[in-house]
Amino acid sequence: MLYTSGFKPSDKFYRIIERDYRLMQVVARFNITMGFADRTISEVCHMHEVDVHTFLAVINQVVCYLEGQSGSVSLELVDMPALLGYLKRTHIYLIDYQLPQMRRTLFAAMDSTVQNDVAILLLKYFDLYVTQVQDHVHHEEGDVFAYAEQLMNGQWVEEEKSMPRRHNEDFVAKLHELLQMFLQYYPQEGVNEELNHVIYDLYRIEEDIRIHCRIEDEMLMPLLRRLEHRRMNQRQVGLPSNASLKENSVGADLLSEREQAVAVCVAKGLANKEIADQLGISFNTVTTHRRNIARKLNIHSPAGIAIFCVVNKLVTLEEIKL
């Protein structure tokens, strides 16, 4: 699922931070704490109950952005709830810590001996931007994320309430404009290390927000389109999203991407332990997916799953091992 230079489940976790310290932000937003020892990415993700494929997709996409690489990661095995959790924690960090801390530092950095309207105005512009960020986050969580959760729960949303369009470019541009104002108009007398530090941190926040917006636009939105398409197909055939199906009544779109991956492994003759190792998930998770596959498709044998995978072109006949 990853481009050539991307991290893999078997790579040592500490290599992520060694590659770029800025990836610590991504790691923290998956609720993964320090102390990786010599464990692999797969092992650390399992320890913290993090979906390894979603983690790798985000990490490798961020590396792509930071290093100016072209291309993108595959979204086939990305878990939507795990991605939403990451994005929500990014919002919390931005609203509850990053911007309030920045304002306190900015206020302290402004030289009180330099009485001028420009400094006061720039601080007001910063407060205005924080308000815009709060509105932006409220829109995303109240509309975009809520829409995703409705689709995940099997609900269909009428056309006039359908998925919001791309909306992040102007949001990022406003922060860059604020940065330019500080650089061009703040009347700094002598060397003000605190103010220099603020401007440096503003650049880091701009980069962080830019990456966050690209993750939303280039990962979340395509996944939403797929989920929306799946719900539309289910609606057209008159079936609820959680309906049990006869063996050959519908296609593979009734299974999640992860369930399809497990089904393919079963069709190829892999045991549950082998499936867990190949997909980077736990043995119990494989068992749960197999139960869900059996319930959704009303198929309870490896042979039946193999036939289902061939019919739906998930595997070729040559790949089947029973």
Protein backbone atom coordinates (compact mmCIF):
# COMPACT_ATOMS: atom_id res chain seq x y z
CA MET A 1 0.00 0.00 0.00
CA LEU A 2 2.98 2.31 0.41
CA TYR A 3 5.28 4.06 -2.02
CA THR A 4 8.85 2.82 -2.29
CA SER A 5 10.45 5.01 0.39
CA GLY A 6 7.61 4.58 2.87
CA PHE A 7 7.72 2.95 6.30
CA LYS A 8 6.54 -0.65 6.63
CA PRO A 9 5.03 -2.54 9.61
CA SER A 10 8.33 -4.39 10.17
CA ASP A 11 10.45 -1.21 10.41
CA LYS A 12 11.74 -0.11 13.82
CA PHE A 13 9.47 2.52 15.29
CA TYR A 14 12.25 4.88 16.40
CA ARG A 15 13.28 5.23 12.76
CA ILE A 16 10.21 7.42 12.25
CA ILE A 17 11.51 10.12 14.60
CA GLU A 18 15.04 9.72 13.30
CA ARG A 19 13.80 10.45 9.80
CA ASP A 20 12.12 13.73 10.79
CA TYR A 21 11.50 15.05 14.32
CA ARG A 22 8.33 16.76 13.10
CA LEU A 23 6.71 13.33 12.82
CA MET A 24 6.52 13.30 16.63
CA GLN A 25 3.36 15.39 16.22
CA VAL A 26 1.76 12.66 14.11
CA VAL A 27 2.82 9.94 16.56
CA ALA A 28 1.37 11.86 19.53
CA ARG A 29 -1.99 12.34 17.78
CA PHE A 30 -2.38 8.59 17.58
CA ASN A 31 -1.98 8.51 21.38
CA ILE A 32 1.34 6.68 21.05
CA THR A 33 3.76 7.54 23.84
CA MET A 34 7.55 7.51 23.91
CA GLY A 35 9.59 4.48 24.99
CA PHE A 36 9.52 2.45 21.77
CA ALA A 37 12.66 0.45 22.68
CA ASP A 38 13.57 -1.72 19.68
CA ARG A 39 9.98 -2.57 18.76
CA THR A 40 8.64 -2.53 15.23
CA ILE A 41 5.93 -0.17 14.03
CA SER A 42 3.48 -3.06 14.03
CA GLU A 43 4.35 -4.01 17.62
CA VAL A 44 4.05 -0.43 18.93
CA CYS A 45 0.71 0.09 17.18
CA HIS A 46 -0.64 -3.14 18.67
CA MET A 47 0.55 -2.09 22.13
CA HIS A 48 -1.39 1.18 21.84
CA GLU A 49 -4.40 -0.35 20.03
CA VAL A 50 -3.75 1.76 16.94
CA ASP A 51 -4.70 0.55 13.47
CA VAL A 52 -1.30 -0.01 11.88
CA HIS A 53 -2.38 0.57 8.27
CA THR A 54 -4.06 3.88 9.07
CA PHE A 55 -1.01 4.96 11.08
CA LEU A 56 1.34 4.07 8.23
CA ALA A 57 -0.84 5.76 5.63
CA VAL A 58 -0.82 9.02 7.59
CA ILE A 59 2.89 8.83 8.50
CA ASN A 60 3.94 8.10 4.92
CA GLN A 61 1.67 10.79 3.51
CA VAL A 62 3.15 13.35 5.91
CA VAL A 63 6.69 12.24 4.95
CA CYS A 64 5.67 12.74 1.34
CA TYR A 65 4.63 16.33 2.10
CA LEU A 66 7.64 17.18 4.27
CA GLU A 67 10.18 15.84 1.79
CA GLY A 68 8.48 17.24 -1.29
CA GLN A 69 7.84 13.84 -2.82
CA SER A 70 5.20 13.34 -5.47
CA GLY A 71 2.61 10.61 -5.28
CA SER A 72 0.40 9.38 -2.48
CA VAL A 73 -0.33 6.29 -0.42
CA SER A 74 -3.06 3.77 -1.09
CA LEU A 75 -6.20 4.19 1.01
CA GLU A 76 -7.44 0.61 0.57
CA LEU A 77 -6.76 -0.54 4.15
CA VAL A 78 -7.27 2.78 5.94
CA ASP A 79 -9.76 2.53 8.79
CA MET A 80 -12.14 5.51 8.74
CA PRO A 81 -12.77 5.65 12.54
CA ALA A 82 -9.02 5.58 13.18
CA LEU A 83 -8.44 8.41 10.69
CA LEU A 84 -11.23 10.50 12.20
CA GLY A 85 -9.75 9.95 15.67
CA TYR A 86 -6.39 11.23 14.45
CA LEU A 87 -7.96 14.32 12.86
CA LYS A 88 -10.05 15.08 15.95
CA ARG A 89 -6.98 14.88 18.20
CA THR A 90 -5.22 17.29 15.83
CA HIS A 91 -8.09 19.73 16.37
CA ILE A 92 -7.83 19.35 20.15
CA TYR A 93 -4.07 20.00 20.10
CA LEU A 94 -4.51 23.07 17.89
CA ILE A 95 -7.42 24.65 19.78
CA ASP A 96 -6.64 23.67 23.37
CA TYR A 97 -2.84 23.93 23.37
CA GLN A 98 -1.04 25.23 20.29
CA LEU A 99 -2.88 28.50 19.63
CA PRO A 100 -3.49 29.50 23.31
CA GLN A 101 0.19 28.89 24.09
CA MET A 102 1.14 30.92 21.03
CA ARG A 103 -0.99 33.86 22.16
CA ARG A 104 0.54 33.89 25.63
CA THR A 105 4.03 33.84 24.16
CA LEU A 106 3.13 36.49 21.60
CA PHE A 107 1.68 38.82 24.24
CA ALA A 108 4.79 38.45 26.39
CA ALA A 109 7.09 38.97 23.39
CA MET A 110 5.60 42.28 22.34
CA ASP A 111 7.88 44.93 23.75
CA SER A 112 5.81 47.02 26.17
CA THR A 113 8.22 49.91 25.75
CA VAL A 114 7.25 50.21 22.09
CA GLN A 115 3.81 51.78 22.24
CA ASN A 116 2.31 51.59 18.78
CA ASP A 117 -0.98 50.85 17.12
CA VAL A 118 0.55 48.29 14.76
CA ALA A 119 1.49 45.87 17.58
CA ILE A 120 -1.99 46.09 19.07
CA LEU A 121 -3.59 45.60 15.66
CA LEU A 122 -1.45 42.53 14.90
CA LEU A 123 -2.52 40.97 18.19
CA LYS A 124 -6.14 41.62 17.28
CA TYR A 125 -5.56 39.99 13.89
CA PHE A 126 -4.13 36.96 15.67
CA ASP A 127 -7.21 36.74 17.90
CA LEU A 128 -9.42 37.05 14.82
CA TYR A 129 -7.54 34.18 13.18
CA VAL A 130 -8.00 32.01 16.30
CA THR A 131 -11.74 32.66 16.06
CA GLN A 132 -11.67 31.61 12.39
CA VAL A 133 -9.81 28.42 13.34
CA GLN A 134 -12.45 27.65 15.97
CA ASP A 135 -15.22 28.18 13.41
CA HIS A 136 -13.35 25.99 10.92
CA VAL A 137 -13.00 23.17 13.45
CA HIS A 138 -16.64 23.50 14.46
CA HIS A 139 -17.66 23.19 10.78
CA GLU A 140 -15.48 20.13 10.22
CA GLU A 141 -16.60 18.26 13.32
CA GLY A 142 -20.25 19.32 13.04
CA ASP A 143 -20.59 18.74 9.29
CA VAL A 144 -17.76 16.75 7.70
CA PHE A 145 -16.93 14.36 10.54
CA ALA A 146 -20.58 13.97 11.52
CA TYR A 147 -21.42 13.15 7.90
CA ALA A 148 -18.68 10.49 7.87
CA GLU A 149 -20.04 8.96 11.07
CA GLN A 150 -23.56 8.89 9.62
CA LEU A 151 -22.29 7.00 6.58
CA MET A 152 -20.30 4.58 8.76
CA ASN A 153 -23.48 3.88 10.73
CA GLY A 154 -25.26 2.93 7.52
CA GLN A 155 -27.33 6.10 7.18
CA TRP A 156 -28.02 7.75 3.84
CA VAL A 157 -27.95 11.55 3.72
CA GLU A 158 -30.13 13.34 1.20
CA GLU A 159 -28.40 15.12 -1.70
CA GLU A 160 -28.73 18.63 -0.32
CA LYS A 161 -26.82 17.54 2.77
CA SER A 162 -24.19 15.57 0.93
CA MET A 163 -20.44 15.75 1.41
CA PRO A 164 -18.91 19.23 1.73
CA ARG A 165 -16.56 20.36 -0.99
CA ARG A 166 -12.84 21.05 -0.64
CA HIS A 167 -12.57 23.99 1.75
CA ASN A 168 -9.08 24.31 3.19
CA GLU A 169 -7.05 26.50 0.83
CA ASP A 170 -8.34 29.88 2.08
CA PHE A 171 -7.97 28.76 5.69
CA VAL A 172 -4.22 28.14 5.25
CA ALA A 173 -3.71 31.33 3.22
CA LYS A 174 -5.06 33.49 6.06
CA LEU A 175 -2.40 32.24 8.46
CA HIS A 176 0.36 32.96 5.93
CA GLU A 177 -1.02 36.47 5.49
CA LEU A 178 -0.82 36.95 9.27
CA LEU A 179 2.80 35.81 9.21
CA GLN A 180 3.64 38.31 6.48
CA MET A 181 2.11 41.11 8.55
CA PHE A 182 4.41 40.33 11.48
CA LEU A 183 7.45 40.20 9.22
CA GLN A 184 6.66 43.40 7.36
CA TYR A 185 5.05 45.70 9.90
CA TYR A 186 5.96 44.88 13.51
CA PRO A 187 8.35 47.65 14.72
CA GLN A 188 10.99 45.54 16.49
CA GLU A 189 13.69 47.51 18.33
CA GLY A 190 16.95 45.63 18.80
CA VAL A 191 17.01 41.85 19.08
CA ASN A 192 13.79 40.45 20.53
CA GLU A 193 14.44 36.73 20.92
CA GLU A 194 10.94 36.04 22.23
CA LEU A 195 9.32 37.63 19.20
CA ASN A 196 11.70 35.83 16.84
CA HIS A 197 10.73 32.58 18.55
CA VAL A 198 7.03 33.42 18.08
CA ILE A 199 7.50 33.99 14.36
CA TYR A 200 9.45 30.74 14.06
CA ASP A 201 6.62 28.89 15.85
CA LEU A 202 4.05 30.54 13.61
CA TYR A 203 5.84 29.03 10.62
CA ARG A 204 5.73 25.64 12.29
CA ILE A 205 2.01 26.01 13.02
CA GLU A 206 1.43 27.04 9.40
CA GLU A 207 3.22 23.90 8.21
CA ASP A 208 1.29 21.74 10.69
CA ILE A 209 -2.07 23.18 9.63
CA ARG A 210 -1.17 22.89 5.94
CA ILE A 211 -0.37 19.19 6.37
CA HIS A 212 -3.53 18.64 8.42
CA CYS A 213 -5.64 20.23 5.69
CA ARG A 214 -4.00 18.09 3.00
CA ILE A 215 -4.66 14.93 5.01
CA GLU A 216 -8.31 15.94 5.13
CA ASP A 217 -8.53 16.85 1.45
CA GLU A 218 -6.46 13.99 0.04
CA MET A 219 -7.26 11.14 2.44
CA LEU A 220 -10.51 11.83 4.30
CA MET A 221 -12.45 13.21 1.33
CA PRO A 222 -11.66 10.30 -1.06
CA LEU A 223 -12.62 7.82 1.67
CA LEU A 224 -15.88 9.70 2.17
CA ARG A 225 -16.61 9.50 -1.54
CA ARG A 226 -16.08 5.74 -1.49
CA LEU A 227 -18.30 5.30 1.54
CA GLU A 228 -20.94 7.55 0.03
CA HIS A 229 -20.85 5.52 -3.20
CA ARG A 230 -21.21 2.28 -1.24
CA ARG A 231 -24.24 3.58 0.67
CA MET A 232 -25.76 4.80 -2.60
CA ASN A 233 -25.37 1.34 -4.16
CA GLN A 234 -26.93 -0.31 -1.13
CA ARG A 235 -29.83 2.11 -1.30
CA GLN A 236 -30.36 1.39 -5.02
CA VAL A 237 -30.59 -2.38 -4.46
CA GLY A 238 -32.99 -1.80 -1.56
CA LEU A 239 -30.77 -3.29 1.15
CA PRO A 240 -29.87 -1.86 4.55
CA SER A 241 -26.15 -1.41 5.06
CA ASN A 242 -25.98 -4.19 7.66
CA ALA A 243 -28.13 -6.71 5.80
CA SER A 244 -27.08 -10.36 5.68
CA LEU A 245 -26.63 -11.48 2.10
CA LYS A 246 -26.83 -14.71 0.19
CA GLU A 247 -23.58 -15.97 -1.22
CA ASN A 248 -23.83 -14.46 -4.69
CA SER A 249 -26.52 -11.80 -4.32
CA VAL A 250 -24.27 -8.72 -4.19
CA GLY A 251 -20.68 -7.67 -4.76
CA ALA A 252 -17.78 -7.03 -2.43
CA ASP A 253 -18.92 -3.50 -1.58
CA LEU A 254 -20.82 -4.86 1.43
CA LEU A 255 -17.49 -5.64 3.08
CA SER A 256 -15.20 -2.98 4.46
CA GLU A 257 -11.76 -2.62 2.90
CA ARG A 258 -10.25 -4.46 5.88
CA GLU A 259 -12.79 -7.28 5.65
CA GLN A 260 -12.05 -7.63 1.94
CA ALA A 261 -8.35 -7.90 2.74
CA VAL A 262 -9.04 -10.64 5.29
CA ALA A 263 -11.32 -12.46 2.84
CA VAL A 264 -8.58 -12.40 0.20
CA CYS A 265 -6.11 -13.89 2.66
CA VAL A 266 -8.59 -16.64 3.55
CA ALA A 267 -9.09 -17.38 -0.16
CA LYS A 268 -5.33 -17.68 -0.55
CA GLY A 269 -5.26 -20.34 2.16
CA LEU A 270 -3.69 -18.34 4.99
CA ALA A 271 -4.41 -19.30 8.59
CA ASN A 272 -5.60 -16.65 11.06
CA LYS A 273 -2.10 -16.21 12.53
CA GLU A 274 -0.63 -15.76 9.06
CA ILE A 275 -3.35 -13.24 8.18
CA ALA A 276 -2.61 -11.27 11.36
CA ASP A 277 1.10 -11.14 10.52
CA GLN A 278 0.54 -10.16 6.89
CA LEU A 279 -2.00 -7.40 7.59
CA GLY A 280 -0.32 -6.16 10.77
CA ILE A 281 -3.36 -6.76 12.97
CA SER A 282 -3.97 -8.93 16.02
CA PHE A 283 -5.15 -12.54 15.95
CA ASN A 284 -8.37 -11.52 17.74
CA THR A 285 -9.03 -8.81 15.17
CA VAL A 286 -8.74 -11.38 12.37
CA THR A 287 -11.23 -13.60 14.19
CA THR A 288 -13.64 -10.67 14.55
CA HIS A 289 -13.37 -9.79 10.85
CA ARG A 290 -14.02 -13.40 9.86
CA ARG A 291 -17.16 -13.46 12.01
CA ASN A 292 -18.34 -10.23 10.40
CA ILE A 293 -17.66 -11.60 6.91
CA ALA A 294 -19.66 -14.73 7.69
CA ARG A 295 -22.54 -12.67 9.08
CA LYS A 296 -22.66 -10.17 6.21
CA LEU A 297 -22.34 -12.71 3.39
CA ASN A 298 -23.90 -15.77 5.04
CA ILE A 299 -20.76 -17.68 4.03
CA HIS A 300 -19.13 -19.86 6.67
CA SER A 301 -16.46 -21.88 4.83
CA PRO A 302 -13.08 -20.95 3.30
CA ALA A 303 -14.27 -22.48 0.02
CA GLY A 304 -17.31 -20.22 -0.03
CA ILE A 305 -15.18 -17.16 0.71
CA ALA A 306 -12.79 -18.16 -2.07
CA ILE A 307 -15.66 -18.40 -4.56
CA PHE A 308 -16.99 -15.04 -3.39
CA CYS A 309 -13.54 -13.46 -3.91
CA VAL A 310 -13.20 -14.92 -7.42
CA VAL A 311 -16.72 -13.84 -8.44
CA ASN A 312 -16.04 -10.31 -7.21
CA LYS A 313 -12.57 -10.22 -8.83
CA LEU A 314 -10.75 -9.81 -5.52
CA VAL A 315 -8.41 -12.67 -6.44
CA THR A 316 -7.64 -14.72 -9.52
CA LEU A 317 -8.28 -18.44 -9.74
CA GLU A 318 -4.52 -19.10 -9.74
CA GLU A 319 -4.19 -17.44 -6.31
CA ILE A 320 -6.70 -19.74 -4.62
CA LYS A 321 -5.30 -22.30 -2.20
CA LEU A 322 -7.72 -24.55 -0.35
